[in-house]
Amino acid sequence: MASSPSATDTAEPDAPAWQARKLLRAARAGTLATTADGQPLASLVTPACAGDLSVLLFLSGLSEHTRHLRADPRCAVMVAGPPETANPQTAPRVTVTGIAEPDPDPALKARWLAIHPYAALYAAFADFSLWRVRPRAGLLVGGFARATRLRQADLAPDPGAVAAVAAAEAAIIGHCNADHADALAAIAGRPGAWRMVAVDVDGCDLAQGEAVLRVAWSAPVDGPGGVRAELMALARAGRGA
């Protein structure tokens, strides 16, 4: 009898860690949980993910949750996918816990803005700053009564692969946008001038105006060669080959 995939085996399509990573990277909205003096608070946030799966949040210093994080950086972020049925509890969702910290890296802010381009209207406001939450643990609920606890080691992408894709990201994006607009439209599955705006070990993000589409790989890749193979397969599938 074949064994079921482990949480750490992200190459398996049904592995909980792989499902969790795809949910995190595809999320455009989520819930941030913070505390102050023992009193919890839940807030709507608009996350993005860094290459290493850190959750990126662009927060106003005037907000209650930012004041909470300054006093106690321990937090949790929950994101959810669409429900399988009319019952909302059939929606897959993942909650990650970690420590939030401000991160002034302009590359991370650019990545967040690539996923949320509408935010360019207030991106330069002095009271907004980027915060980074590195997941320490997680809980995946794959649907009704399907829960799996995940350790940091389960969630974390391979650091070598993350570095390899990050080093090639600008070249990959530039090449695809300059020479393969038709392939990007095929991958998006929708007509229009789609551009690649981000790429990582788990997939890429395509944008057309303020619409941003997450495209997941069939499995995590280990470098630029894997990205190229995934893009070629997706383009062929999009064209009906």
C-alpha atoms as a PDB file:
ATOM      1  CA  MET A   1       0.000   0.000   0.000  1.00  0.00           C
ATOM      2  CA  ALA A   2       1.369   3.427  -0.930  1.00  0.00           C
ATOM      3  CA  SER A   3       1.917   5.810   1.973  1.00  0.00           C
ATOM      4  CA  SER A   4       0.265   9.203   2.044  1.00  0.00           C
ATOM      5  CA  PRO A   5       2.499  12.232   1.348  1.00  0.00           C
ATOM      6  CA  SER A   6       4.198  13.787   4.355  1.00  0.00           C
ATOM      7  CA  ALA A   7       3.884  17.453   5.261  1.00  0.00           C
ATOM      8  CA  THR A   8       7.472  18.041   4.158  1.00  0.00           C
ATOM      9  CA  ASP A   9       7.165  16.370   0.745  1.00  0.00           C
ATOM     10  CA  THR A  10       6.216  19.442  -1.253  1.00  0.00           C
ATOM     11  CA  ALA A  11       6.853  17.665  -4.561  1.00  0.00           C
ATOM     12  CA  GLU A  12       3.641  15.674  -4.002  1.00  0.00           C
ATOM     13  CA  PRO A  13       0.610  17.507  -5.471  1.00  0.00           C
ATOM     14  CA  ASP A  14      -1.536  16.774  -2.403  1.00  0.00           C
ATOM     15  CA  ALA A  15       1.144  17.401   0.228  1.00  0.00           C
ATOM     16  CA  PRO A  16      -0.189  19.727   2.947  1.00  0.00           C
ATOM     17  CA  ALA A  17       2.915  21.929   2.850  1.00  0.00           C
ATOM     18  CA  TRP A  18       2.562  22.416  -0.906  1.00  0.00           C
ATOM     19  CA  GLN A  19      -1.128  23.259  -0.541  1.00  0.00           C
ATOM     20  CA  ALA A  20      -0.288  25.753   2.200  1.00  0.00           C
ATOM     21  CA  ARG A  21       2.412  27.446   0.145  1.00  0.00           C
ATOM     22  CA  LYS A  22       0.126  27.784  -2.865  1.00  0.00           C
ATOM     23  CA  LEU A  23      -2.618  29.301  -0.711  1.00  0.00           C
ATOM     24  CA  LEU A  24      -0.216  31.812   0.854  1.00  0.00           C
ATOM     25  CA  ARG A  25       1.289  32.911  -2.449  1.00  0.00           C
ATOM     26  CA  ALA A  26      -2.087  33.245  -4.183  1.00  0.00           C
ATOM     27  CA  ALA A  27      -3.749  35.224  -1.390  1.00  0.00           C
ATOM     28  CA  ARG A  28      -4.702  38.824  -2.118  1.00  0.00           C
ATOM     29  CA  ALA A  29      -6.506  39.364   1.185  1.00  0.00           C
ATOM     30  CA  GLY A  30      -6.252  37.814   4.621  1.00  0.00           C
ATOM     31  CA  THR A  31      -6.711  38.297   8.336  1.00  0.00           C
ATOM     32  CA  LEU A  32      -3.989  39.534  10.682  1.00  0.00           C
ATOM     33  CA  ALA A  33      -4.343  38.573  14.350  1.00  0.00           C
ATOM     34  CA  THR A  34      -2.533  40.685  16.956  1.00  0.00           C
ATOM     35  CA  THR A  35      -2.820  41.247  20.704  1.00  0.00           C
ATOM     36  CA  ALA A  36      -2.446  44.164  23.084  1.00  0.00           C
ATOM     37  CA  ASP A  37      -2.576  43.728  26.862  1.00  0.00           C
ATOM     38  CA  GLY A  38      -4.128  40.310  26.379  1.00  0.00           C
ATOM     39  CA  GLN A  39      -6.893  41.595  24.121  1.00  0.00           C
ATOM     40  CA  PRO A  40      -6.908  40.040  20.612  1.00  0.00           C
ATOM     41  CA  LEU A  41      -7.676  41.960  17.432  1.00  0.00           C
ATOM     42  CA  ALA A  42      -8.363  40.660  13.914  1.00  0.00           C
ATOM     43  CA  SER A  43      -7.780  42.953  10.933  1.00  0.00           C
ATOM     44  CA  LEU A  44      -8.180  42.719   7.184  1.00  0.00           C
ATOM     45  CA  VAL A  45      -4.788  42.881   5.425  1.00  0.00           C
ATOM     46  CA  THR A  46      -3.534  42.505   1.852  1.00  0.00           C
ATOM     47  CA  PRO A  47      -0.553  40.121   1.902  1.00  0.00           C
ATOM     48  CA  ALA A  48       2.069  39.159  -0.627  1.00  0.00           C
ATOM     49  CA  CYS A  49       4.899  36.648  -0.258  1.00  0.00           C
ATOM     50  CA  ALA A  50       8.643  37.089  -0.564  1.00  0.00           C
ATOM     51  CA  GLY A  51      10.660  34.437  -2.329  1.00  0.00           C
ATOM     52  CA  ASP A  52      11.335  32.655   0.963  1.00  0.00           C
ATOM     53  CA  LEU A  53       7.582  32.599   1.769  1.00  0.00           C
ATOM     54  CA  SER A  54       7.794  35.441   4.275  1.00  0.00           C
ATOM     55  CA  VAL A  55       4.422  37.190   4.419  1.00  0.00           C
ATOM     56  CA  LEU A  56       4.702  40.839   3.376  1.00  0.00           C
ATOM     57  CA  LEU A  57       2.256  43.402   4.738  1.00  0.00           C
ATOM     58  CA  PHE A  58       2.093  47.108   3.859  1.00  0.00           C
ATOM     59  CA  LEU A  59       0.716  48.729   6.991  1.00  0.00           C
ATOM     60  CA  SER A  60      -0.220  52.196   8.114  1.00  0.00           C
ATOM     61  CA  GLY A  61       1.466  53.372  11.286  1.00  0.00           C
ATOM     62  CA  LEU A  62      -1.857  54.917  12.289  1.00  0.00           C
ATOM     63  CA  SER A  63      -3.669  51.572  12.396  1.00  0.00           C
ATOM     64  CA  GLU A  64      -4.466  49.718  15.602  1.00  0.00           C
ATOM     65  CA  HIS A  65      -2.818  46.489  14.426  1.00  0.00           C
ATOM     66  CA  THR A  66       0.469  48.271  13.679  1.00  0.00           C
ATOM     67  CA  ARG A  67       0.490  49.730  17.170  1.00  0.00           C
ATOM     68  CA  HIS A  68      -0.089  46.210  18.473  1.00  0.00           C
ATOM     69  CA  LEU A  69       2.843  44.825  16.477  1.00  0.00           C
ATOM     70  CA  ARG A  70       5.165  47.503  17.777  1.00  0.00           C
ATOM     71  CA  ALA A  71       4.299  46.487  21.326  1.00  0.00           C
ATOM     72  CA  ASP A  72       4.174  42.724  20.698  1.00  0.00           C
ATOM     73  CA  PRO A  73       5.387  41.462  17.294  1.00  0.00           C
ATOM     74  CA  ARG A  74       3.916  37.985  17.762  1.00  0.00           C
ATOM     75  CA  CYS A  75       1.088  37.528  15.287  1.00  0.00           C
ATOM     76  CA  ALA A  76      -0.792  35.193  12.982  1.00  0.00           C
ATOM     77  CA  VAL A  77      -1.965  35.588   9.395  1.00  0.00           C
ATOM     78  CA  MET A  78      -4.805  33.557   7.897  1.00  0.00           C
ATOM     79  CA  VAL A  79      -5.667  33.309   4.196  1.00  0.00           C
ATOM     80  CA  ALA A  80      -8.322  31.219   2.471  1.00  0.00           C
ATOM     81  CA  GLY A  81      -9.127  29.869  -0.954  1.00  0.00           C
ATOM     82  CA  PRO A  82     -12.588  29.477  -2.522  1.00  0.00           C
ATOM     83  CA  PRO A  83     -14.981  26.979  -0.879  1.00  0.00           C
ATOM     84  CA  GLU A  84     -15.678  23.671  -2.598  1.00  0.00           C
ATOM     85  CA  THR A  85     -19.428  23.932  -1.933  1.00  0.00           C
ATOM     86  CA  ALA A  86     -21.945  26.429  -0.575  1.00  0.00           C
ATOM     87  CA  ASN A  87     -20.633  25.619   2.900  1.00  0.00           C
ATOM     88  CA  PRO A  88     -17.871  28.178   3.704  1.00  0.00           C
ATOM     89  CA  GLN A  89     -16.137  25.596   5.888  1.00  0.00           C
ATOM     90  CA  THR A  90     -15.169  23.630   2.787  1.00  0.00           C
ATOM     91  CA  ALA A  91     -12.770  26.446   1.839  1.00  0.00           C
ATOM     92  CA  PRO A  92      -9.084  25.541   2.160  1.00  0.00           C
ATOM     93  CA  ARG A  93      -7.267  27.918   4.488  1.00  0.00           C
ATOM     94  CA  VAL A  94      -3.932  28.243   6.199  1.00  0.00           C
ATOM     95  CA  THR A  95      -2.859  30.153   9.273  1.00  0.00           C
ATOM     96  CA  VAL A  96       0.803  30.920   9.878  1.00  0.00           C
ATOM     97  CA  THR A  97       2.300  32.260  13.088  1.00  0.00           C
ATOM     98  CA  GLY A  98       5.470  34.278  13.357  1.00  0.00           C
ATOM     99  CA  ILE A  99       7.200  37.456  14.437  1.00  0.00           C
ATOM    100  CA  ALA A 100       6.480  40.643  12.492  1.00  0.00           C
ATOM    101  CA  GLU A 101       9.207  43.193  11.889  1.00  0.00           C
ATOM    102  CA  PRO A 102       9.516  46.294   9.701  1.00  0.00           C
ATOM    103  CA  ASP A 103      11.698  45.681   6.659  1.00  0.00           C
ATOM    104  CA  PRO A 104      12.854  48.699   4.609  1.00  0.00           C
ATOM    105  CA  ASP A 105      14.191  46.593   1.705  1.00  0.00           C
ATOM    106  CA  PRO A 106      12.934  48.397  -1.450  1.00  0.00           C
ATOM    107  CA  ALA A 107      12.925  45.105  -3.362  1.00  0.00           C
ATOM    108  CA  LEU A 108      10.353  43.667  -0.964  1.00  0.00           C
ATOM    109  CA  LYS A 109       8.189  46.770  -1.264  1.00  0.00           C
ATOM    110  CA  ALA A 110       8.429  46.488  -5.065  1.00  0.00           C
ATOM    111  CA  ARG A 111       7.338  42.857  -4.864  1.00  0.00           C
ATOM    112  CA  TRP A 112       4.357  43.750  -2.684  1.00  0.00           C
ATOM    113  CA  LEU A 113       3.366  46.531  -5.088  1.00  0.00           C
ATOM    114  CA  ALA A 114       3.679  44.152  -8.042  1.00  0.00           C
ATOM    115  CA  ILE A 115       0.988  42.001  -6.431  1.00  0.00           C
ATOM    116  CA  HIS A 116      -1.143  44.980  -5.345  1.00  0.00           C
ATOM    117  CA  PRO A 117      -0.612  47.604  -8.093  1.00  0.00           C
ATOM    118  CA  TYR A 118      -3.645  49.675  -7.039  1.00  0.00           C
ATOM    119  CA  ALA A 119      -1.682  50.579  -3.877  1.00  0.00           C
ATOM    120  CA  ALA A 120       0.638  52.820  -5.904  1.00  0.00           C
ATOM    121  CA  LEU A 121      -1.812  55.608  -4.993  1.00  0.00           C
ATOM    122  CA  TYR A 122      -0.640  55.568  -1.365  1.00  0.00           C
ATOM    123  CA  ALA A 123       2.679  53.711  -1.556  1.00  0.00           C
ATOM    124  CA  ALA A 124       4.671  56.886  -0.911  1.00  0.00           C
ATOM    125  CA  PHE A 125       2.658  58.026   2.104  1.00  0.00           C
ATOM    126  CA  ALA A 126       5.002  58.599   5.031  1.00  0.00           C
ATOM    127  CA  ASP A 127       2.877  56.676   7.530  1.00  0.00           C
ATOM    128  CA  PHE A 128       2.970  53.405   5.515  1.00  0.00           C
ATOM    129  CA  SER A 129       5.760  50.855   5.820  1.00  0.00           C
ATOM    130  CA  LEU A 130       6.444  47.263   4.854  1.00  0.00           C
ATOM    131  CA  TRP A 131       6.368  44.555   7.507  1.00  0.00           C
ATOM    132  CA  ARG A 132       7.676  41.023   7.123  1.00  0.00           C
ATOM    133  CA  VAL A 133       6.381  37.924   8.928  1.00  0.00           C
ATOM    134  CA  ARG A 134       8.600  34.851   8.667  1.00  0.00           C
ATOM    135  CA  PRO A 135       6.374  31.801   9.259  1.00  0.00           C
ATOM    136  CA  ARG A 136       7.398  29.753  12.292  1.00  0.00           C
ATOM    137  CA  ALA A 137       4.519  27.292  12.192  1.00  0.00           C
ATOM    138  CA  GLY A 138       1.256  26.801  10.395  1.00  0.00           C
ATOM    139  CA  LEU A 139      -2.101  25.089  10.395  1.00  0.00           C
ATOM    140  CA  LEU A 140      -3.618  23.999   7.096  1.00  0.00           C
ATOM    141  CA  VAL A 141      -7.304  23.180   6.939  1.00  0.00           C
ATOM    142  CA  GLY A 142      -7.677  21.590   3.522  1.00  0.00           C
ATOM    143  CA  GLY A 143     -11.471  21.625   3.768  1.00  0.00           C
ATOM    144  CA  PHE A 144     -14.128  20.406   6.160  1.00  0.00           C
ATOM    145  CA  ALA A 145     -12.485  18.341   8.962  1.00  0.00           C
ATOM    146  CA  ARG A 146      -9.103  18.150   7.183  1.00  0.00           C
ATOM    147  CA  ALA A 147      -6.455  19.822   9.356  1.00  0.00           C
ATOM    148  CA  THR A 148      -2.662  19.438   9.352  1.00  0.00           C
ATOM    149  CA  ARG A 149      -0.152  21.166  11.614  1.00  0.00           C
ATOM    150  CA  LEU A 150       2.967  22.366   9.808  1.00  0.00           C
ATOM    151  CA  ARG A 151       6.390  23.121  11.235  1.00  0.00           C
ATOM    152  CA  GLN A 152       8.656  25.870   9.945  1.00  0.00           C
ATOM    153  CA  ALA A 153      10.746  23.208   8.212  1.00  0.00           C
ATOM    154  CA  ASP A 154       7.619  21.901   6.451  1.00  0.00           C
ATOM    155  CA  LEU A 155       6.718  25.307   5.048  1.00  0.00           C
ATOM    156  CA  ALA A 156      10.135  26.728   4.173  1.00  0.00           C
ATOM    157  CA  PRO A 157      11.261  26.494   0.520  1.00  0.00           C
ATOM    158  CA  ASP A 158      14.786  25.230  -0.117  1.00  0.00           C
ATOM    159  CA  PRO A 159      17.096  28.226   0.530  1.00  0.00           C
ATOM    160  CA  GLY A 160      19.403  27.340  -2.365  1.00  0.00           C
ATOM    161  CA  ALA A 161      16.504  27.179  -4.797  1.00  0.00           C
ATOM    162  CA  VAL A 162      15.087  30.465  -3.472  1.00  0.00           C
ATOM    163  CA  ALA A 163      18.454  32.174  -3.990  1.00  0.00           C
ATOM    164  CA  ALA A 164      18.907  30.707  -7.477  1.00  0.00           C
ATOM    165  CA  VAL A 165      15.498  31.868  -8.704  1.00  0.00           C
ATOM    166  CA  ALA A 166      15.876  35.274  -7.031  1.00  0.00           C
ATOM    167  CA  ALA A 167      19.217  35.835  -8.771  1.00  0.00           C
ATOM    168  CA  ALA A 168      17.622  35.130 -12.156  1.00  0.00           C
ATOM    169  CA  GLU A 169      14.229  36.767 -11.507  1.00  0.00           C
ATOM    170  CA  ALA A 170      14.890  40.074 -13.265  1.00  0.00           C
ATOM    171  CA  ALA A 171      16.278  38.313 -16.334  1.00  0.00           C
ATOM    172  CA  ILE A 172      13.380  35.841 -16.462  1.00  0.00           C
ATOM    173  CA  ILE A 173      10.782  38.608 -16.175  1.00  0.00           C
ATOM    174  CA  GLY A 174      12.518  40.821 -18.726  1.00  0.00           C
ATOM    175  CA  HIS A 175      12.876  38.003 -21.265  1.00  0.00           C
ATOM    176  CA  CYS A 176       9.283  36.782 -20.906  1.00  0.00           C
ATOM    177  CA  ASN A 177       7.786  40.258 -21.155  1.00  0.00           C
ATOM    178  CA  ALA A 178       9.954  41.279 -24.122  1.00  0.00           C
ATOM    179  CA  ASP A 179       9.783  38.089 -26.188  1.00  0.00           C
ATOM    180  CA  HIS A 180       6.891  35.883 -25.054  1.00  0.00           C
ATOM    181  CA  ALA A 181       3.768  38.004 -24.674  1.00  0.00           C
ATOM    182  CA  ASP A 182       1.742  35.389 -26.553  1.00  0.00           C
ATOM    183  CA  ALA A 183       2.918  32.629 -24.217  1.00  0.00           C
ATOM    184  CA  LEU A 184       2.014  34.710 -21.140  1.00  0.00           C
ATOM    185  CA  ALA A 185      -1.498  35.280 -22.517  1.00  0.00           C
ATOM    186  CA  ALA A 186      -1.800  31.536 -23.132  1.00  0.00           C
ATOM    187  CA  ILE A 187      -0.688  30.827 -19.569  1.00  0.00           C
ATOM    188  CA  ALA A 188      -3.122  33.400 -18.176  1.00  0.00           C
ATOM    189  CA  GLY A 189      -5.909  31.791 -20.167  1.00  0.00           C
ATOM    190  CA  ARG A 190      -7.388  35.205 -20.868  1.00  0.00           C
ATOM    191  CA  PRO A 191      -6.829  37.636 -23.739  1.00  0.00           C
ATOM    192  CA  GLY A 192      -4.868  40.805 -23.174  1.00  0.00           C
ATOM    193  CA  ALA A 193      -1.409  42.230 -22.647  1.00  0.00           C
ATOM    194  CA  TRP A 194      -0.321  40.128 -19.689  1.00  0.00           C
ATOM    195  CA  ARG A 195       3.063  40.782 -18.093  1.00  0.00           C
ATOM    196  CA  MET A 196       5.042  38.739 -15.628  1.00  0.00           C
ATOM    197  CA  VAL A 197       5.643  40.780 -12.467  1.00  0.00           C
ATOM    198  CA  ALA A 198       7.090  38.202 -10.046  1.00  0.00           C
ATOM    199  CA  VAL A 199       8.528  34.688 -10.093  1.00  0.00           C
ATOM    200  CA  ASP A 200       9.618  32.309  -7.332  1.00  0.00           C
ATOM    201  CA  VAL A 201      10.220  28.626  -6.648  1.00  0.00           C
ATOM    202  CA  ASP A 202       6.473  27.917  -6.423  1.00  0.00           C
ATOM    203  CA  GLY A 203       5.086  29.863  -9.380  1.00  0.00           C
ATOM    204  CA  CYS A 204       4.766  33.285 -10.980  1.00  0.00           C
ATOM    205  CA  ASP A 205       2.425  36.273 -11.002  1.00  0.00           C
ATOM    206  CA  LEU A 206       0.995  37.775 -14.188  1.00  0.00           C
ATOM    207  CA  ALA A 207      -0.583  41.230 -14.345  1.00  0.00           C
ATOM    208  CA  GLN A 208      -2.805  43.136 -16.728  1.00  0.00           C
ATOM    209  CA  GLY A 209      -3.587  46.579 -15.388  1.00  0.00           C
ATOM    210  CA  GLU A 210      -4.659  46.112 -11.772  1.00  0.00           C
ATOM    211  CA  ALA A 211      -5.622  42.464 -12.305  1.00  0.00           C
ATOM    212  CA  VAL A 212      -2.943  40.105 -10.965  1.00  0.00           C
ATOM    213  CA  LEU A 213      -3.132  36.356 -11.536  1.00  0.00           C
ATOM    214  CA  ARG A 214      -1.167  33.765  -9.564  1.00  0.00           C
ATOM    215  CA  VAL A 215       0.073  30.771 -11.552  1.00  0.00           C
ATOM    216  CA  ALA A 216       1.433  27.833  -9.543  1.00  0.00           C
ATOM    217  CA  TRP A 217       4.031  25.410 -10.856  1.00  0.00           C
ATOM    218  CA  SER A 218       3.241  21.702 -10.877  1.00  0.00           C
ATOM    219  CA  ALA A 219       5.804  21.374  -8.056  1.00  0.00           C
ATOM    220  CA  PRO A 220       8.500  23.591  -6.519  1.00  0.00           C
ATOM    221  CA  VAL A 221      11.483  24.189  -8.824  1.00  0.00           C
ATOM    222  CA  ASP A 222      15.162  24.219  -7.914  1.00  0.00           C
ATOM    223  CA  GLY A 223      16.351  27.009 -10.192  1.00  0.00           C
ATOM    224  CA  PRO A 224      15.894  28.943 -13.452  1.00  0.00           C
ATOM    225  CA  GLY A 225      15.898  25.756 -15.536  1.00  0.00           C
ATOM    226  CA  GLY A 226      12.897  24.521 -13.632  1.00  0.00           C
ATOM    227  CA  VAL A 227      11.118  27.844 -14.157  1.00  0.00           C
ATOM    228  CA  ARG A 228      11.710  27.605 -17.904  1.00  0.00           C
ATOM    229  CA  ALA A 229      10.386  24.031 -18.052  1.00  0.00           C
ATOM    230  CA  GLU A 230       7.248  24.968 -16.097  1.00  0.00           C
ATOM    231  CA  LEU A 231       6.562  28.005 -18.293  1.00  0.00           C
ATOM    232  CA  MET A 232       6.943  25.976 -21.466  1.00  0.00           C
ATOM    233  CA  ALA A 233       4.563  23.293 -20.197  1.00  0.00           C
ATOM    234  CA  LEU A 234       2.008  25.884 -19.092  1.00  0.00           C
ATOM    235  CA  ALA A 235       2.195  27.729 -22.430  1.00  0.00           C
ATOM    236  CA  ARG A 236       1.668  24.468 -24.355  1.00  0.00           C
ATOM    237  CA  ALA A 237      -1.287  23.572 -22.153  1.00  0.00           C
ATOM    238  CA  GLY A 238      -2.737  27.075 -22.560  1.00  0.00           C
ATOM    239  CA  ARG A 239      -2.555  26.790 -26.330  1.00  0.00           C
ATOM    240  CA  GLY A 240      -4.271  23.394 -26.185  1.00  0.00           C
ATOM    241  CA  ALA A 241      -1.201  21.530 -27.416  1.00  0.00           C
END
